[in-house]
Each structure stands twice: as structure tokens, then as C-alpha cells.
């Protein structure tokens, strides 16, 4: 389920960023500047003890200062076009006439955003902000104490306080969620640990939620229908069979694609897989860490958004097939050692290797470590095979032998 939601959010991120041709427009509120009450009292006392001309001069100076302050606030309060920010603790107070792309430790939004907000952070605070678009967020904690059209998120904890308002829908995958605000559309939420609907919560359409236990929904809280499903997964023998079947079909499709559409890639990957174990693993770790960073840097430049998103898409594809590439390489080595497994172009070897690795991944803790190592090794193998165009003659001869 988590993978499906992550894929859903990433897809939306790519579609929106590529399709939007320009910033969205919106009407900004007037900025009012009032003088402090203490200053007024002081001026009144001074006026009583000074001449009338001096009092008028003071009033004129004060009015001029207010006009200068208002003018400065008006010119600095609006950001035209898309905004890109990255850092530690980030606070956005400007009115942004476009989309906002931001990543940091703590991201606090207090201003207005005319487009969408794309944010990855440890903590995301929407503090009185008005977002006339959607929020696409990946964070540890998301607190929505403002106005937004739609909220799509993956997080540990979601908080929608009393003053939080979602004009349309909420679609979130999380561990804990608390909703006390107003949702004008549907709520579709997976809470692996706990979902809480507070007394003042109001959902004007349907509530679809998954949680360990059913939530008490008071009359009038949900205007539409309520659908509940348990987040506790109960596995059976058939579930294991189907899990392996899906994995094997995916491996089979990737393997056939490598044979018919990328035979040179298969030969190059085989050559690298024999004696380049540590370099491949190290390159996979570096690629896993730095490719997303480079993609974000491209997106932050403004002109390189499409390049950054294309790089992210390629990165996702490489991660998806990394383990399968390793399976194919291991199957090819097994078929070379045992002739029986070489039948039907190594099909038997692919089945055996897939089954063994799948069984190992079912072991608690050990399975996760093995899966991570295989994926990183496969990622490094793919990167070396793609980006190293020419091989040394010696390696070609070793590969043929």
C-alpha cells in the first residue's frame, strides 16, 4: 500500500510540474498598517504641551512614515512566478503567484500560494496560510492549520486542527491522523496505527479509511458514506503464492525485455557482474543518494525542472528493475555452471534464483538487508552499464570466455 501511494504522489508531481504552463493568479488582500497605541498617546500628550504648528508637523511626518511602510510592505509581499527553496528551517511568508517547490527540515508556510505546494521535510506546518492549489507532501509530521484545495501526503503523523480547512479532498497514507477541521470533499486515508475524528470535525462527502480499529463517527460528522477496511494484513498460503507469482511475472517481463530490446546491455552487465562486485555496490550507494539530490538541484534552477523530473523518472525506473537485473545475472551464472538450468534460454535458472531470493526476503530483518544489498548492487550495475560506453578489450575477451 505504501508503494502504491508513493507512486501515486510521484506521478502527480511529474504531471503537474510538466503540464502547468505558467503561474496561477489570485487576488491578494490589502495590507493595512496601523500605528501603535502608545505612539498615539505620546503624540496627544505632546500636542497638549506644544504649539499647534509643531503638532501638525508631527502628524504629517507620522503619516508620511506610515505611507512609506505601506509601500515597502506592498512591494516585498508578493513573489511573481514559481518559488524554489531548500535548506534547514524555512519560513514562507510572502504571497507567491505561482507554485512552490521546497525541501528542508522544518517548513512553515504563512503566506498565500496561488499554485501548488510541493514539499519534502521532517515537519511541515501550514500556519494560517491560504493555498489556492494542492499540497503534495512527504514528511514526518504534517500540520494543516490553514486553507488548501487538496491534500496528498505520505507521513508519519497528520494533524488537521479546528481552523484547518480542505476545500476538496484529502488522500493521505500515514501512521497516525487527527482531523478536527473541515473537509469539503472526500477523505481517503490509511492510518496504520490510529485515526481520530474530533468533535468539531466536518466531512461533507465520503470517508474511506483503513485503520486497525473502527472509529466512532458521530452523527452529522460525515455527510456522505463511511467505508472502513482493516489495516491489519492477514496472510495466507494463497497470499504467498500470489506474491511470488506477481514477482515472477515482473522478473519475466524485464528479462524478456533485456533479451529482445537490450542485448548489448545484458552483455555489458554480465561482464561487470563477474569481477566488479564492490565497485558496483559502491556506485549503487552513491547513485541512490546523489541522483535525487542532483534532480532537486535541477528543479531549483527553474529552467532545469524538466531535466530534473526526467532524471527522477529514470532513477525510479532503475530502482524498479535493479533487483531483476541481479536475478538475471545470477541465473546466467547458474546456467553456466549447471547445464540443466540452461534450458529454454536460462528460464529454469531464472525461476530458481527468483524463488530463492524471494524466500530469503521473507526472513525478518535478514530479508530486508538482503533486499537492500541486491537493489543497490543492481543499481550500480545498471549505472556502470549505461554510462560507461566503451569497455576495455581485455574485459571484452573475459566476457566472451
Protein backbone atom coordinates (compact mmCIF):
# COMPACT_ATOMS: atom_id res chain seq x y z
CA UNK A 1 0.00 0.00 0.00
CA UNK A 2 2.80 2.44 0.85
CA UNK A 3 4.47 1.83 -2.50
CA UNK A 4 1.20 2.46 -4.32
CA UNK A 5 0.68 5.79 -2.55
CA UNK A 6 4.29 6.87 -3.13
CA UNK A 7 3.93 6.04 -6.82
CA UNK A 8 0.64 7.95 -6.90
CA UNK A 9 2.20 11.07 -5.36
CA UNK A 10 5.29 10.93 -7.59
CA UNK A 11 3.10 10.56 -10.69
CA UNK A 12 1.02 13.57 -9.70
CA UNK A 13 4.19 15.55 -9.01
CA UNK A 14 5.53 14.86 -12.52
CA UNK A 15 2.22 15.50 -14.29
CA UNK A 16 1.51 18.81 -12.55
CA UNK A 17 5.04 20.15 -12.91
CA UNK A 18 5.17 19.37 -16.64
CA UNK A 19 1.63 20.42 -17.56
CA UNK A 20 1.49 23.77 -15.76
CA UNK A 21 2.50 26.31 -18.35
CA UNK A 22 2.57 29.32 -16.09
CA UNK A 23 1.76 30.51 -12.62
CA UNK A 24 -1.80 30.74 -11.38
CA UNK A 25 -3.18 34.16 -10.50
CA UNK A 26 -5.13 35.18 -7.45
CA UNK A 27 -6.33 38.29 -5.66
CA UNK A 28 -4.17 39.50 -2.79
CA UNK A 29 -5.58 41.10 0.32
CA UNK A 30 -4.98 44.76 1.06
CA UNK A 31 -2.20 45.45 3.54
CA UNK A 32 -3.32 47.67 6.40
CA UNK A 33 -0.80 49.35 8.63
CA UNK A 34 -1.95 50.87 11.92
CA UNK A 35 0.12 52.93 14.31
CA UNK A 36 0.79 51.68 17.81
CA UNK A 37 -1.48 52.94 20.57
CA UNK A 38 1.46 54.01 22.74
CA UNK A 39 2.72 56.32 19.97
CA UNK A 40 -0.72 57.93 19.65
CA UNK A 41 -0.95 58.59 23.38
CA UNK A 42 2.52 60.12 23.39
CA UNK A 43 1.68 62.39 20.46
CA UNK A 44 -1.54 63.53 22.14
CA UNK A 45 0.30 64.45 25.35
CA UNK A 46 2.95 66.25 23.34
CA UNK A 47 0.28 68.16 21.40
CA UNK A 48 -1.21 69.47 24.64
CA UNK A 49 2.14 70.96 25.74
CA UNK A 50 3.49 72.22 22.38
CA UNK A 51 2.30 74.66 19.78
CA UNK A 52 -0.33 73.79 17.22
CA UNK A 53 2.16 74.09 14.34
CA UNK A 54 4.51 71.51 15.88
CA UNK A 55 1.62 69.09 16.41
CA UNK A 56 0.60 69.39 12.77
CA UNK A 57 4.18 68.84 11.64
CA UNK A 58 4.45 65.71 13.82
CA UNK A 59 1.18 64.36 12.39
CA UNK A 60 2.38 64.96 8.83
CA UNK A 61 5.69 63.19 9.49
CA UNK A 62 3.89 60.23 11.05
CA UNK A 63 1.53 59.94 8.07
CA UNK A 64 4.49 60.01 5.67
CA UNK A 65 6.23 57.27 7.63
CA UNK A 66 3.08 55.12 7.51
CA UNK A 67 2.84 55.59 3.73
CA UNK A 68 6.50 54.61 3.31
CA UNK A 69 5.93 51.49 5.45
CA UNK A 70 2.82 50.53 3.47
CA UNK A 71 4.65 50.99 0.17
CA UNK A 72 7.58 48.84 1.33
CA UNK A 73 5.25 46.09 2.56
CA UNK A 74 3.32 46.09 -0.73
CA UNK A 75 6.47 45.78 -2.83
CA UNK A 76 8.06 42.99 -0.77
CA UNK A 77 4.98 40.87 -0.01
CA UNK A 78 4.45 39.33 -3.47
CA UNK A 79 6.67 36.86 -5.32
CA UNK A 80 5.81 36.55 -9.01
CA UNK A 81 6.39 33.17 -10.63
CA UNK A 82 7.39 29.85 -9.09
CA UNK A 83 9.45 29.74 -5.89
CA UNK A 84 12.24 27.24 -5.12
CA UNK A 85 13.73 26.88 -1.64
CA UNK A 86 15.99 24.38 0.11
CA UNK A 87 17.73 24.46 3.48
CA UNK A 88 17.22 23.73 7.17
CA UNK A 89 14.33 25.64 8.75
CA UNK A 90 12.39 27.54 6.08
CA UNK A 91 9.55 30.02 6.61
CA UNK A 92 7.50 31.28 3.67
CA UNK A 93 5.62 34.49 4.49
CA UNK A 94 5.40 36.03 1.00
CA UNK A 95 2.42 35.80 -1.31
CA UNK A 96 3.57 33.59 -4.17
CA UNK A 97 1.89 34.00 -7.53
CA UNK A 98 2.83 30.50 -8.71
CA UNK A 99 3.95 27.10 -7.45
CA UNK A 100 6.32 26.46 -4.55
CA UNK A 101 8.96 23.71 -4.52
CA UNK A 102 10.64 23.40 -1.12
CA UNK A 103 12.68 20.90 0.87
CA UNK A 104 14.10 21.29 4.37
CA UNK A 105 13.98 20.20 7.98
CA UNK A 106 11.07 22.35 9.18
CA UNK A 107 8.98 24.12 6.55
CA UNK A 108 6.44 26.69 7.77
CA UNK A 109 4.06 28.38 5.34
CA UNK A 110 2.26 31.55 6.48
CA UNK A 111 1.64 33.42 3.23
CA UNK A 112 -0.56 32.86 0.20
CA UNK A 113 0.30 30.48 -2.63
CA UNK A 114 -1.53 30.84 -5.91
CA UNK A 115 -0.50 27.43 -7.24
CA UNK A 116 0.58 24.11 -5.77
CA UNK A 117 2.96 23.35 -2.90
CA UNK A 118 5.45 20.50 -3.40
CA UNK A 119 7.27 19.87 -0.12
CA UNK A 120 9.54 17.26 1.45
CA UNK A 121 10.60 17.90 5.05
CA UNK A 122 10.75 16.48 8.52
CA UNK A 123 8.00 18.84 9.70
CA UNK A 124 5.51 20.73 7.54
CA UNK A 125 3.45 23.50 9.20
CA UNK A 126 0.69 25.26 7.28
CA UNK A 127 0.23 28.12 9.75
CA UNK A 128 -2.71 30.29 8.68
CA UNK A 129 -1.67 30.10 5.03
CA UNK A 130 -4.04 30.13 2.08
CA UNK A 131 -3.02 27.76 -0.71
CA UNK A 132 -5.20 28.09 -3.80
CA UNK A 133 -3.93 24.80 -5.21
CA UNK A 134 -2.87 21.41 -3.92
CA UNK A 135 -0.32 20.22 -1.39
CA UNK A 136 1.91 17.28 -2.33
CA UNK A 137 3.83 16.49 0.86
CA UNK A 138 6.20 13.82 2.10
CA UNK A 139 7.13 14.43 5.75
CA UNK A 140 7.33 13.02 9.23
CA UNK A 141 4.66 15.40 10.56
CA UNK A 142 2.14 17.45 8.61
CA UNK A 143 0.06 20.08 10.43
CA UNK A 144 -2.61 21.78 8.33
CA UNK A 145 -3.82 24.91 10.13
CA UNK A 146 -4.88 26.88 7.08
CA UNK A 147 -6.74 26.63 3.76
CA UNK A 148 -5.85 24.30 0.88
CA UNK A 149 -7.76 22.87 -2.06
CA UNK A 150 -6.47 19.26 -1.98
CA UNK A 151 -4.00 17.46 0.27
CA UNK A 152 -1.96 14.48 -0.96
CA UNK A 153 0.58 13.19 1.53
CA UNK A 154 2.73 10.42 2.90
CA UNK A 155 3.71 10.98 6.52
CA UNK A 156 4.02 9.56 9.99
CA UNK A 157 1.54 11.96 11.64
CA UNK A 158 -1.19 14.14 10.13
CA UNK A 159 -2.86 16.90 12.15
CA UNK A 160 -5.78 18.95 10.86
CA UNK A 161 -6.74 21.31 13.75
CA UNK A 162 -10.02 23.14 14.22
CA UNK A 163 -9.06 26.01 11.90
CA UNK A 164 -7.76 23.69 9.17
CA UNK A 165 -9.84 23.68 6.00
CA UNK A 166 -9.51 21.46 2.92
CA UNK A 167 -11.72 22.80 0.16
CA UNK A 168 -11.84 19.48 -1.70
CA UNK A 169 -10.20 16.12 -0.86
CA UNK A 170 -7.67 14.55 1.50
CA UNK A 171 -5.70 11.50 0.31
CA UNK A 172 -3.04 10.52 2.84
CA UNK A 173 -1.05 7.44 3.87
CA UNK A 174 0.21 7.70 7.46
CA UNK A 175 0.56 6.00 10.83
CA UNK A 176 -1.48 8.44 12.92
CA UNK A 177 -4.06 11.03 11.90
CA UNK A 178 -6.22 13.52 13.77
CA UNK A 179 -8.88 15.54 11.94
CA UNK A 180 -10.73 18.39 13.67
CA UNK A 181 -11.23 20.76 10.75
CA UNK A 182 -13.49 20.98 7.71
CA UNK A 183 -13.16 18.91 4.53
CA UNK A 184 -15.37 19.98 1.66
CA UNK A 185 -14.89 16.80 -0.35
CA UNK A 186 -13.84 13.20 0.31
CA UNK A 187 -11.35 11.80 2.80
CA UNK A 188 -9.37 8.73 1.79
CA UNK A 189 -6.84 7.87 4.46
CA UNK A 190 -4.78 4.91 5.63
CA UNK A 191 -3.77 5.16 9.29
CA UNK A 192 -1.69 2.14 10.25
CA UNK A 193 -1.89 2.88 13.97
CA UNK A 194 -4.67 5.32 14.84
CA UNK A 195 -7.25 7.61 13.26
CA UNK A 196 -9.08 10.21 15.37
CA UNK A 197 -12.10 12.26 14.28
CA UNK A 198 -12.51 15.11 16.77
CA UNK A 199 -15.85 16.53 17.90
CA UNK A 200 -15.76 19.55 15.57
CA UNK A 201 -14.68 17.59 12.50
CA UNK A 202 -16.89 18.01 9.42
CA UNK A 203 -16.58 15.95 6.22
CA UNK A 204 -19.08 16.94 3.55
CA UNK A 205 -18.66 13.88 1.31
CA UNK A 206 -17.43 10.30 1.81
CA UNK A 207 -14.98 8.94 4.37
CA UNK A 208 -12.91 5.96 3.20
CA UNK A 209 -10.38 4.88 5.78
CA UNK A 210 -8.19 1.97 6.77
CA UNK A 211 -7.10 1.53 10.39
CA UNK A 212 -6.54 -1.25 12.95
CA UNK A 213 -9.92 -0.50 14.56
CA UNK A 214 -13.12 1.20 13.51
CA UNK A 215 -13.53 4.84 14.50
CA UNK A 216 -16.61 6.18 16.25
CA UNK A 217 -18.24 8.57 13.79
CA UNK A 218 -20.73 10.91 15.43
CA UNK A 219 -23.97 11.81 13.68
CA UNK A 220 -23.54 14.74 11.32
CA UNK A 221 -19.76 14.47 11.16
CA UNK A 222 -19.75 12.77 7.75
CA UNK A 223 -22.39 13.91 5.27
CA UNK A 224 -21.66 11.11 2.78
CA UNK A 225 -20.93 7.41 3.22
CA UNK A 226 -18.41 5.81 5.57
CA UNK A 227 -16.32 2.86 4.35
CA UNK A 228 -13.92 1.04 6.68
CA UNK A 229 -11.26 -1.61 6.00
CA UNK A 230 -8.80 -3.08 8.45
CA UNK A 231 -5.14 -2.10 8.03
CA UNK A 232 -4.07 -5.36 9.72
CA UNK A 233 -2.94 -7.64 6.94
CA UNK A 234 -3.71 -11.32 7.44
CA UNK A 235 -1.60 -13.50 5.18
CA UNK A 236 -2.49 -16.97 3.99
CA UNK A 237 -0.76 -19.57 1.85
CA UNK A 238 -2.53 -18.22 -1.22
CA UNK A 239 -1.24 -14.71 -0.44
CA UNK A 240 2.33 -16.03 -0.54
CA UNK A 241 1.66 -17.84 -3.80
CA UNK A 242 0.20 -14.72 -5.39
CA UNK A 243 3.07 -12.60 -4.08
CA UNK A 244 5.63 -14.85 -5.72
CA UNK A 245 3.57 -15.09 -8.91
CA UNK A 246 3.44 -11.30 -9.27
CA UNK A 247 7.18 -11.03 -8.63
CA UNK A 248 8.00 -13.74 -11.15
CA UNK A 249 5.82 -12.18 -13.87
CA UNK A 250 7.60 -8.86 -13.35
CA UNK A 251 11.03 -10.54 -13.47
CA UNK A 252 10.00 -12.46 -16.59
CA UNK A 253 8.88 -9.29 -18.41
CA UNK A 254 12.09 -7.43 -17.55
CA UNK A 255 14.20 -10.44 -18.54
CA UNK A 256 12.46 -10.78 -21.92
CA UNK A 257 12.82 -7.04 -22.46
CA UNK A 258 16.56 -7.30 -21.81
CA UNK A 259 16.89 -10.19 -24.28
CA UNK A 260 14.95 -8.65 -27.16
CA UNK A 261 15.47 -4.92 -26.72
CA UNK A 262 18.78 -4.53 -24.88
CA UNK A 263 21.10 -7.45 -25.70
CA UNK A 264 24.19 -5.21 -25.54
CA UNK A 265 23.20 -4.04 -22.08
CA UNK A 266 22.91 -7.68 -20.98
CA UNK A 267 26.39 -8.49 -22.28
CA UNK A 268 27.92 -5.42 -20.65
CA UNK A 269 26.17 -6.05 -17.33
CA UNK A 270 27.34 -9.67 -17.36
CA UNK A 271 30.93 -8.57 -17.89
CA UNK A 272 30.76 -6.11 -15.00
CA UNK A 273 28.97 -8.51 -12.66
CA UNK A 274 31.82 -11.05 -12.62
CA UNK A 275 34.71 -9.13 -11.08
CA UNK A 276 33.25 -5.72 -10.16
CA UNK A 277 31.22 -6.60 -7.07
CA UNK A 278 32.47 -3.92 -4.65
CA UNK A 279 32.69 -1.13 -7.26
CA UNK A 280 29.14 -1.89 -8.38
CA UNK A 281 27.83 -1.87 -4.82
CA UNK A 282 29.64 1.39 -4.04
CA UNK A 283 28.37 3.03 -7.20
CA UNK A 284 24.85 1.89 -6.34
CA UNK A 285 25.06 3.53 -2.90
CA UNK A 286 26.36 6.78 -4.42
CA UNK A 287 23.66 6.75 -7.09
CA UNK A 288 20.93 6.04 -4.55
CA UNK A 289 21.99 9.10 -2.51
CA UNK A 290 23.11 11.67 -5.07
CA UNK A 291 20.79 11.20 -8.05
CA UNK A 292 17.75 12.59 -6.15
CA UNK A 293 19.89 15.46 -4.84
CA UNK A 294 21.04 16.36 -8.35
CA UNK A 295 17.44 16.16 -9.58
CA UNK A 296 16.27 18.56 -6.86
CA UNK A 297 19.09 20.97 -7.71
CA UNK A 298 17.99 20.94 -11.36
CA UNK A 299 14.41 21.67 -10.28
CA UNK A 300 15.55 24.56 -8.08
CA UNK A 301 17.19 26.33 -11.03
CA UNK A 302 13.80 26.90 -12.61
CA UNK A 303 14.97 26.32 -16.18
CA UNK A 304 16.03 22.75 -15.39
CA UNK A 305 12.74 21.49 -13.93
CA UNK A 306 12.01 19.12 -16.82
CA UNK A 307 15.57 17.79 -16.75
CA UNK A 308 15.31 17.16 -13.01
CA UNK A 309 11.98 15.40 -13.34
CA UNK A 310 13.24 13.29 -16.25
CA UNK A 311 16.24 12.29 -14.14
CA UNK A 312 13.91 11.34 -11.28
CA UNK A 313 11.81 9.24 -13.65
CA UNK A 314 14.95 7.44 -14.90
CA UNK A 315 16.06 6.97 -11.29
CA UNK A 316 12.72 5.39 -10.39
CA UNK A 317 12.90 3.06 -13.39
CA UNK A 318 16.42 1.93 -12.48
CA UNK A 319 15.37 1.23 -8.89
CA UNK A 320 12.36 -0.74 -10.09
CA UNK A 321 14.39 -3.13 -12.26
CA UNK A 322 17.63 -3.20 -10.22
CA UNK A 323 16.83 -6.42 -8.33
CA UNK A 324 15.61 -8.10 -11.50
CA UNK A 325 18.89 -7.33 -13.27
CA UNK A 326 20.78 -9.06 -10.45
CA UNK A 327 18.44 -12.06 -10.65
CA UNK A 328 19.10 -12.37 -14.40
CA UNK A 329 22.88 -12.13 -13.88
CA UNK A 330 22.81 -14.78 -11.12
CA UNK A 331 20.62 -17.03 -13.29
CA UNK A 332 23.06 -16.70 -16.16
CA UNK A 333 25.94 -17.71 -13.87
CA UNK A 334 23.96 -20.67 -12.51
CA UNK A 335 23.09 -21.85 -16.03
CA UNK A 336 26.76 -21.64 -16.95
CA UNK A 337 27.67 -23.94 -14.02
CA UNK A 338 24.75 -26.39 -14.30
CA UNK A 339 23.70 -27.25 -17.85
CA UNK A 340 20.22 -28.36 -16.80
CA UNK A 341 19.30 -24.82 -15.82
CA UNK A 342 20.39 -23.51 -19.21
CA UNK A 343 17.30 -24.95 -20.91
CA UNK A 344 14.87 -22.56 -22.59
CA UNK A 345 17.44 -19.74 -22.57
CA UNK A 346 18.08 -19.99 -18.80
CA UNK A 347 14.36 -19.91 -17.91
CA UNK A 348 14.75 -22.64 -15.26
CA UNK A 349 17.66 -20.77 -13.72
CA UNK A 350 15.63 -17.55 -13.56
CA UNK A 351 12.81 -19.40 -11.79
CA UNK A 352 15.15 -20.97 -9.23
CA UNK A 353 17.06 -17.75 -8.45
CA UNK A 354 13.85 -15.74 -8.16
CA UNK A 355 12.35 -18.31 -5.78
CA UNK A 356 15.46 -18.44 -3.57
CA UNK A 357 15.84 -14.66 -3.27
CA UNK A 358 12.11 -14.23 -2.64
CA UNK A 359 12.23 -16.82 0.16
CA UNK A 360 15.22 -15.08 1.76
CA UNK A 361 13.43 -11.73 1.75
CA UNK A 362 10.66 -13.26 3.88
CA UNK A 363 13.09 -13.72 6.79
CA UNK A 364 12.63 -10.88 9.33
CA UNK A 365 15.46 -8.30 9.35
CA UNK A 366 17.75 -10.53 7.25
CA UNK A 367 15.38 -10.30 4.31
CA UNK A 368 15.38 -6.50 4.37
CA UNK A 369 19.20 -6.36 4.42
CA UNK A 370 19.49 -8.82 1.54
CA UNK A 371 16.87 -6.97 -0.47
CA UNK A 372 18.68 -3.64 0.06
CA UNK A 373 22.07 -5.07 -0.94
CA UNK A 374 20.66 -6.70 -4.08
CA UNK A 375 18.87 -3.49 -5.10
CA UNK A 376 21.94 -1.29 -4.55
CA UNK A 377 24.19 -3.75 -6.39
CA UNK A 378 21.75 -3.86 -9.29
CA UNK A 379 21.54 -0.06 -9.37
CA UNK A 380 25.32 0.19 -9.56
CA UNK A 381 25.40 -2.47 -12.28
CA UNK A 382 22.85 -0.55 -14.36
CA UNK A 383 24.68 2.76 -13.93
CA UNK A 384 28.03 1.28 -14.98
CA UNK A 385 26.44 -0.43 -17.98
CA UNK A 386 24.64 2.72 -19.15
CA UNK A 387 27.19 5.43 -18.55
CA UNK A 388 30.39 3.54 -19.42
CA UNK A 389 30.16 3.48 -23.21
CA UNK A 390 33.38 1.70 -24.02
CA UNK A 391 34.89 -1.35 -22.41
CA UNK A 392 38.49 -2.36 -22.45
CA UNK A 393 39.41 -5.09 -24.88
CA UNK A 394 40.59 -7.30 -22.05
CA UNK A 395 37.18 -7.16 -20.39
CA UNK A 396 35.51 -7.99 -23.69
CA UNK A 397 37.65 -11.05 -24.08
CA UNK A 398 36.94 -12.12 -20.49
CA UNK A 399 33.23 -11.73 -21.08
CA UNK A 400 33.36 -13.88 -24.22
CA UNK A 401 35.42 -16.55 -22.42
